[in-house]
N, C-alpha and C. Protein backbone atom coordinates (compact mmCIF):
# COMPACT_ATOMS: atom_id res chain seq x y z
N MET A 1 -6.15 140.86 94.95
CA MET A 1 -6.03 141.89 95.77
C MET A 1 -6.89 142.77 96.49
N PRO A 2 -7.25 142.81 97.75
CA PRO A 2 -8.28 143.15 98.34
C PRO A 2 -8.50 144.77 98.24
N ARG A 3 -9.59 145.18 98.05
CA ARG A 3 -9.78 146.19 97.78
C ARG A 3 -9.91 147.34 99.29
N ARG A 4 -9.20 148.48 99.33
CA ARG A 4 -9.31 148.99 99.98
C ARG A 4 -10.33 149.97 100.46
N ASN A 5 -10.96 150.00 101.97
CA ASN A 5 -12.01 150.84 102.10
C ASN A 5 -11.51 152.23 102.25
N SER A 6 -12.55 153.28 102.36
CA SER A 6 -12.35 154.39 102.45
C SER A 6 -11.47 154.71 103.88
N LEU A 7 -11.59 154.35 104.79
CA LEU A 7 -10.97 154.23 106.03
C LEU A 7 -9.69 154.11 106.23
N SER A 8 -9.36 152.96 105.54
CA SER A 8 -7.73 152.72 105.42
C SER A 8 -7.09 153.85 104.18
N VAL A 9 -7.76 154.10 103.44
CA VAL A 9 -6.87 155.17 102.39
C VAL A 9 -6.78 156.27 103.19
N THR A 10 -8.31 156.83 103.72
CA THR A 10 -7.79 158.23 104.83
C THR A 10 -6.80 157.95 105.28
N LEU A 11 -6.68 157.14 106.59
CA LEU A 11 -5.43 157.09 107.39
C LEU A 11 -4.44 156.72 106.96
N ARG A 12 -4.01 156.11 105.71
CA ARG A 12 -2.78 156.39 105.07
C ARG A 12 -2.45 157.35 104.59
N GLU A 13 -3.44 158.61 104.11
CA GLU A 13 -2.95 159.74 103.50
C GLU A 13 -2.94 160.67 104.69
N ILE A 14 -3.54 160.47 105.76
CA ILE A 14 -3.14 161.22 107.19
C ILE A 14 -1.77 161.09 107.58
N GLY A 15 -1.26 159.64 107.64
CA GLY A 15 0.08 159.13 107.91
C GLY A 15 1.08 160.22 106.83
N ARG A 16 0.81 159.98 105.71
CA ARG A 16 1.74 160.78 104.67
C ARG A 16 1.98 162.30 105.42
N ILE A 17 0.84 162.92 105.45
CA ILE A 17 0.62 164.20 105.61
C ILE A 17 1.33 164.25 106.84
N GLU A 18 1.30 163.48 108.23
CA GLU A 18 1.80 163.74 109.26
C GLU A 18 3.37 163.55 108.87
N ARG A 19 3.85 162.40 108.41
CA ARG A 19 5.21 162.43 108.17
C ARG A 19 5.87 163.51 107.40
N THR A 20 5.01 164.12 106.15
CA THR A 20 5.47 165.31 105.82
C THR A 20 5.97 166.64 106.73
N LEU A 21 4.58 166.60 107.62
CA LEU A 21 4.79 167.94 108.20
C LEU A 21 6.24 167.87 109.30
N TYR A 22 6.22 166.44 110.06
CA TYR A 22 7.28 166.53 110.46
C TYR A 22 8.70 166.54 109.93
N THR A 23 8.83 166.35 108.66
CA THR A 23 10.18 166.40 107.66
C THR A 23 10.42 168.02 107.66
N LEU A 24 9.67 168.59 107.55
CA LEU A 24 9.31 170.08 107.31
C LEU A 24 9.68 170.78 108.49
N GLU A 25 9.16 170.10 109.58
CA GLU A 25 10.16 170.45 111.04
C GLU A 25 11.11 170.28 111.22
N TRP A 26 11.56 169.12 110.76
CA TRP A 26 13.04 168.73 111.09
C TRP A 26 14.09 169.51 110.30
N LEU A 27 13.68 169.91 108.93
CA LEU A 27 14.54 170.54 108.40
C LEU A 27 14.54 172.03 108.40
N GLN A 28 13.43 172.29 109.22
CA GLN A 28 13.48 174.09 109.48
C GLN A 28 13.87 174.24 111.06
N SER A 29 14.56 173.17 111.73
CA SER A 29 14.64 173.24 113.34
C SER A 29 15.88 172.53 113.88
N PRO A 30 16.88 173.72 113.71
CA PRO A 30 18.40 173.09 114.22
C PRO A 30 18.06 172.38 115.56
N GLU A 31 17.38 173.00 116.32
CA GLU A 31 17.43 172.46 117.89
C GLU A 31 16.80 170.96 117.99
N LEU A 32 15.83 170.63 116.70
CA LEU A 32 15.27 169.50 117.09
C LEU A 32 16.11 168.40 116.18
N ARG A 33 16.92 169.12 114.96
CA ARG A 33 17.98 168.22 114.74
C ARG A 33 18.96 167.65 115.84
N ARG A 34 19.19 168.69 116.37
CA ARG A 34 20.31 168.44 117.51
C ARG A 34 19.80 167.30 118.60
N ARG A 35 18.61 167.65 118.83
CA ARG A 35 18.30 166.62 119.74
C ARG A 35 18.08 165.21 119.34
N ILE A 36 17.67 165.00 118.05
CA ILE A 36 17.44 163.75 117.52
C ILE A 36 18.86 163.00 117.13
N HIS A 37 19.92 164.29 117.19
CA HIS A 37 21.23 163.50 116.68
C HIS A 37 21.76 163.23 117.80
N ILE A 38 21.52 163.74 119.32
CA ILE A 38 21.77 163.22 120.65
C ILE A 38 21.44 161.73 121.26
N GLY A 39 19.95 161.55 120.80
CA GLY A 39 19.34 160.65 121.45
C GLY A 39 19.97 159.07 120.09
N LEU A 40 20.27 159.42 119.06
CA LEU A 40 20.74 158.45 117.82
C LEU A 40 22.08 157.98 118.54
N ASN A 41 22.94 158.97 118.87
CA ASN A 41 24.33 158.65 119.24
C ASN A 41 24.04 157.84 120.66
N TYR A 42 23.34 158.29 121.66
CA TYR A 42 23.08 157.66 122.78
C TYR A 42 22.45 155.84 122.41
N PHE A 43 21.63 155.96 121.60
CA PHE A 43 21.27 154.39 121.26
C PHE A 43 22.46 153.94 120.33
N LEU A 44 23.10 154.19 119.69
CA LEU A 44 24.21 153.47 118.84
C LEU A 44 24.90 153.14 119.86
N GLN A 45 25.49 154.03 120.82
CA GLN A 45 26.37 153.69 121.98
C GLN A 45 25.74 152.50 122.82
N ILE A 46 24.96 152.38 123.24
CA ILE A 46 24.15 151.46 124.31
C ILE A 46 24.27 150.09 123.05
N LEU A 47 23.82 150.35 121.61
CA LEU A 47 23.97 149.04 120.92
C LEU A 47 25.19 148.51 120.76
N ALA A 48 26.01 149.32 120.69
CA ALA A 48 27.75 149.08 120.59
C ALA A 48 28.13 148.17 121.83
N ILE A 49 27.64 148.52 122.77
CA ILE A 49 28.04 147.88 124.13
C ILE A 49 27.37 146.20 124.27
N PHE A 50 26.12 146.55 123.89
CA PHE A 50 25.52 145.31 124.00
C PHE A 50 25.76 144.07 122.59
N GLN A 51 26.57 144.91 121.62
CA GLN A 51 27.00 143.88 120.65
C GLN A 51 28.44 143.27 121.16
N SER A 52 29.43 144.04 121.62
CA SER A 52 30.57 143.23 121.77
C SER A 52 30.69 142.47 123.06
């Protein structure tokens, strides 16, 4: 298994922090959840059209 250098470890940790901060924002913001829900529904409708 290749040894990870400090840059790759650091970037991975930054990504984890960003994901955690986004999750906390999502949990605290009904408006963000609503916008994501609308976008997801739109995407699923488009997907259903192409799959039929």
